[in-house]
C-alpha atoms as a PDB file:
ATOM      1  CA  MET A   1     127.702  95.822  67.511  1.00  0.00           C
ATOM      2  CA  GLU A   2     124.315  96.921  65.860  1.00  0.00           C
ATOM      3  CA  SER A   3     124.039  97.322  61.865  1.00  0.00           C
ATOM      4  CA  LYS A   4     123.317 101.174  60.927  1.00  0.00           C
ATOM      5  CA  ARG A   5     119.972  99.093  59.672  1.00  0.00           C
ATOM      6  CA  GLN A   6     119.290  97.257  61.979  1.00  0.00           C
ATOM      7  CA  GLN A   7     119.649 100.748  65.031  1.00  0.00           C
ATOM      8  CA  LYS A   8     117.210 101.976  62.219  1.00  0.00           C
ATOM      9  CA  VAL A   9     114.798  98.860  62.054  1.00  0.00           C
ATOM     10  CA  ALA A  10     114.629  99.168  66.068  1.00  0.00           C
ATOM     11  CA  ARG A  11     114.621 102.801  66.093  1.00  0.00           C
ATOM     12  CA  GLN A  12     111.232 102.591  63.630  1.00  0.00           C
ATOM     13  CA  LEU A  13     109.796  99.320  65.843  1.00  0.00           C
ATOM     14  CA  GLN A  14     110.207 101.238  68.829  1.00  0.00           C
ATOM     15  CA  LYS A  15     108.472 104.367  68.061  1.00  0.00           C
ATOM     16  CA  ASP A  16     105.921 102.436  66.243  1.00  0.00           C
ATOM     17  CA  LEU A  17     105.353  99.940  69.024  1.00  0.00           C
ATOM     18  CA  SER A  18     104.663 102.660  71.367  1.00  0.00           C
ATOM     19  CA  GLU A  19     101.476 104.354  69.596  1.00  0.00           C
ATOM     20  CA  ILE A  20     100.160 100.900  68.953  1.00  0.00           C
ATOM     21  CA  PHE A  21     100.569 100.355  73.179  1.00  0.00           C
ATOM     22  CA  GLN A  22      99.381 103.630  73.746  1.00  0.00           C
ATOM     23  CA  ARG A  23      96.593 104.226  71.203  1.00  0.00           C
ATOM     24  CA  GLU A  24      95.203 101.174  69.001  1.00  0.00           C
ATOM     25  CA  VAL A  25      95.195  98.673  72.404  1.00  0.00           C
ATOM     26  CA  PRO A  26      94.993 100.065  75.887  1.00  0.00           C
ATOM     27  CA  HIS A  27      91.512  98.524  75.680  1.00  0.00           C
ATOM     28  CA  LEU A  28      93.628  94.912  76.134  1.00  0.00           C
ATOM     29  CA  PHE A  29      95.535  96.389  79.094  1.00  0.00           C
ATOM     30  CA  ASN A  30      93.512  97.573  81.352  1.00  0.00           C
ATOM     31  CA  GLY A  31      94.348 100.968  81.439  1.00  0.00           C
ATOM     32  CA  ALA A  32      98.445  99.846  82.375  1.00  0.00           C
ATOM     33  CA  PHE A  33     100.539 102.866  81.147  1.00  0.00           C
ATOM     34  CA  ILE A  34     103.225 100.393  78.120  1.00  0.00           C
ATOM     35  CA  THR A  35     106.121 102.501  77.964  1.00  0.00           C
ATOM     36  CA  VAL A  36     108.616 100.639  75.156  1.00  0.00           C
ATOM     37  CA  THR A  37     112.152 100.863  77.026  1.00  0.00           C
ATOM     38  CA  SER A  38     114.499  99.986  73.736  1.00  0.00           C
ATOM     39  CA  VAL A  39     113.798  97.239  71.501  1.00  0.00           C
ATOM     40  CA  ARG A  40     117.221  94.899  69.979  1.00  0.00           C
ATOM     41  CA  VAL A  41     116.916  93.248  66.226  1.00  0.00           C
ATOM     42  CA  SER A  42     118.185  90.719  65.439  1.00  0.00           C
ATOM     43  CA  PRO A  43     121.257  90.554  62.498  1.00  0.00           C
ATOM     44  CA  ASP A  44     118.915  89.442  59.538  1.00  0.00           C
ATOM     45  CA  LEU A  45     115.620  91.398  61.341  1.00  0.00           C
ATOM     46  CA  SER A  46     113.749  88.468  61.302  1.00  0.00           C
ATOM     47  CA  VAL A  47     113.552  89.045  65.367  1.00  0.00           C
ATOM     48  CA  ALA A  48     113.218  91.997  67.738  1.00  0.00           C
ATOM     49  CA  ARG A  49     113.374  91.455  71.127  1.00  0.00           C
ATOM     50  CA  ILE A  50     111.396  94.502  73.506  1.00  0.00           C
ATOM     51  CA  TYR A  51     111.648  95.573  76.501  1.00  0.00           C
ATOM     52  CA  LEU A  52     108.564  97.202  77.790  1.00  0.00           C
ATOM     53  CA  SER A  53     108.103  99.063  81.741  1.00  0.00           C
ATOM     54  CA  PHE A  54     105.510 100.409  83.265  1.00  0.00           C
ATOM     55  CA  LEU A  55     103.304 102.570  85.116  1.00  0.00           C
ATOM     56  CA  ALA A  56      99.666 101.310  86.734  1.00  0.00           C
ATOM     57  CA  THR A  57      99.987  98.596  87.658  1.00  0.00           C
ATOM     58  CA  LYS A  58     100.362  96.310  91.233  1.00  0.00           C
ATOM     59  CA  ASN A  59     101.559  93.206  88.908  1.00  0.00           C
ATOM     60  CA  LYS A  60     104.016  93.152  86.155  1.00  0.00           C
ATOM     61  CA  GLU A  61     104.628  89.562  85.565  1.00  0.00           C
ATOM     62  CA  MET A  62     100.855  89.571  84.985  1.00  0.00           C
ATOM     63  CA  LEU A  63     100.900  91.797  82.372  1.00  0.00           C
ATOM     64  CA  ILE A  64     103.679  90.809  80.883  1.00  0.00           C
ATOM     65  CA  GLU A  65     102.048  87.281  80.264  1.00  0.00           C
ATOM     66  CA  THR A  66      98.954  89.795  78.588  1.00  0.00           C
ATOM     67  CA  ILE A  67     100.952  91.261  75.858  1.00  0.00           C
ATOM     68  CA  ARG A  68     102.657  87.820  75.700  1.00  0.00           C
ATOM     69  CA  GLU A  69      99.101  86.333  75.093  1.00  0.00           C
ATOM     70  CA  HIS A  70      97.968  89.631  72.893  1.00  0.00           C
ATOM     71  CA  SER A  71     101.023  88.646  70.645  1.00  0.00           C
ATOM     72  CA  ARG A  72      99.781  87.891  67.361  1.00  0.00           C
ATOM     73  CA  THR A  73      97.531  91.287  68.259  1.00  0.00           C
ATOM     74  CA  LEU A  74      99.887  93.322  68.061  1.00  0.00           C
ATOM     75  CA  ARG A  75     102.069  91.581  65.712  1.00  0.00           C
ATOM     76  CA  GLN A  76      99.048  91.802  63.041  1.00  0.00           C
ATOM     77  CA  HIS A  77      99.281  96.012  63.721  1.00  0.00           C
ATOM     78  CA  LEU A  78     102.745  96.352  63.569  1.00  0.00           C
ATOM     79  CA  GLY A  79     102.395  94.515  60.317  1.00  0.00           C
ATOM     80  CA  ASN A  80      99.833  97.205  58.964  1.00  0.00           C
ATOM     81  CA  ARG A  81     102.213  99.992  60.105  1.00  0.00           C
ATOM     82  CA  VAL A  82     106.068  97.809  58.319  1.00  0.00           C
ATOM     83  CA  ARG A  83     104.167  96.881  55.775  1.00  0.00           C
ATOM     84  CA  HIS A  84     105.856  99.036  52.961  1.00  0.00           C
ATOM     85  CA  GLN A  85     109.363  99.630  55.010  1.00  0.00           C
ATOM     86  CA  LEU A  86     109.978  96.095  56.268  1.00  0.00           C
ATOM     87  CA  ARG A  87     109.704  93.312  54.058  1.00  0.00           C
ATOM     88  CA  ILE A  88     109.356  90.444  56.874  1.00  0.00           C
ATOM     89  CA  VAL A  89     107.476  91.401  60.279  1.00  0.00           C
ATOM     90  CA  PRO A  90     109.718  90.030  63.270  1.00  0.00           C
ATOM     91  CA  ASP A  91     109.178  87.590  65.897  1.00  0.00           C
ATOM     92  CA  LEU A  92     108.555  89.723  68.676  1.00  0.00           C
ATOM     93  CA  THR A  93     109.401  88.708  72.198  1.00  0.00           C
ATOM     94  CA  TYR A  94     107.998  90.747  75.135  1.00  0.00           C
ATOM     95  CA  PHE A  95     111.221  91.939  78.565  1.00  0.00           C
ATOM     96  CA  ILE A  96     110.279  93.731  81.625  1.00  0.00           C
ATOM     97  CA  ASP A  97     112.885  96.811  80.913  1.00  0.00           C
ATOM     98  CA  ASP A  98     113.917  96.398  85.290  1.00  0.00           C
ATOM     99  CA  THR A  99     116.657  99.220  84.867  1.00  0.00           C
ATOM    100  CA  ALA A 100     115.166 101.930  86.246  1.00  0.00           C
ATOM    101  CA  GLU A 101     114.534  99.515  89.785  1.00  0.00           C
ATOM    102  CA  TYR A 102     118.068  98.835  89.310  1.00  0.00           C
ATOM    103  CA  ALA A 103     119.293 102.783  89.145  1.00  0.00           C
ATOM    104  CA  GLU A 104     117.568 102.890  92.618  1.00  0.00           C
ATOM    105  CA  LYS A 105     118.699 100.437  93.739  1.00  0.00           C
ATOM    106  CA  MET A 106     121.770 101.881  93.299  1.00  0.00           C
ATOM    107  CA  ASP A 107     121.745 105.069  94.187  1.00  0.00           C
ATOM    108  CA  LYS A 108     120.019 103.329  97.820  1.00  0.00           C
ATOM    109  CA  LEU A 109     123.513 101.387  97.761  1.00  0.00           C
ATOM    110  CA  PHE A 110     125.502 104.882  97.087  1.00  0.00           C
ATOM    111  CA  ALA A 111     123.556 106.286  99.845  1.00  0.00           C
ATOM    112  CA  GLY A 112     124.236 104.369 102.002  1.00  0.00           C
ATOM    113  CA  LEU A 113     127.790 104.285 101.723  1.00  0.00           C
ATOM    114  CA  GLU A 114     129.325 106.108 104.051  1.00  0.00           C
ATOM    115  CA  ILE A 115     132.830 108.121 103.465  1.00  0.00           C
ATOM    116  CA  PRO A 116     135.611 109.013 105.084  1.00  0.00           C
ATOM    117  CA  PRO A 117     137.376 112.845 103.881  1.00  0.00           C
ATOM    118  CA  ALA A 118     140.544 112.675 101.919  1.00  0.00           C
ATOM    119  CA  PRO A 119     143.461 113.008 105.321  1.00  0.00           C
ATOM    120  CA  GLU A 120     144.311 116.562 104.521  1.00  0.00           C
ATOM    121  CA  GLU A 121     148.057 116.978 102.722  1.00  0.00           C
ATOM    122  CA  ASP A 122     150.610 119.826 103.233  1.00  0.00           C
ATOM    123  CA  GLU A 123     151.728 121.735 100.254  1.00  0.00           C
ATOM    124  CA  ASP A 124     155.215 122.298 101.703  1.00  0.00           C
ATOM    125  CA  GLU A 125     156.141 118.190 102.308  1.00  0.00           C
ATOM    126  CA  ASN A 126     156.274 117.919  98.462  1.00  0.00           C
END
């Protein structure tokens, strides 16, 4: 369970990273629309796991590698934003958030199920 401080830092990092991806460095990623879906911060606030989803891109693996290559630049932009709130800018590790694809897969599975109707019970038998 995350502490209040971890949750607060995670929300701040998510907000700031979203703005960085959308406003400050979109040119680094060829116009791909990058969404920060969630952030998980370690208890000592030194490591942040960033989960991203992508639109307007065909190769997600290549884009996540590009993000990892530019990790230092992104961390520097983040440091400029949070330097007054955090003592240490956390190390950022990026992951593809595949919850949308997983939900779509589960919906297809559920749609393919055939559930027979429940047998009707007579009230007189009870």
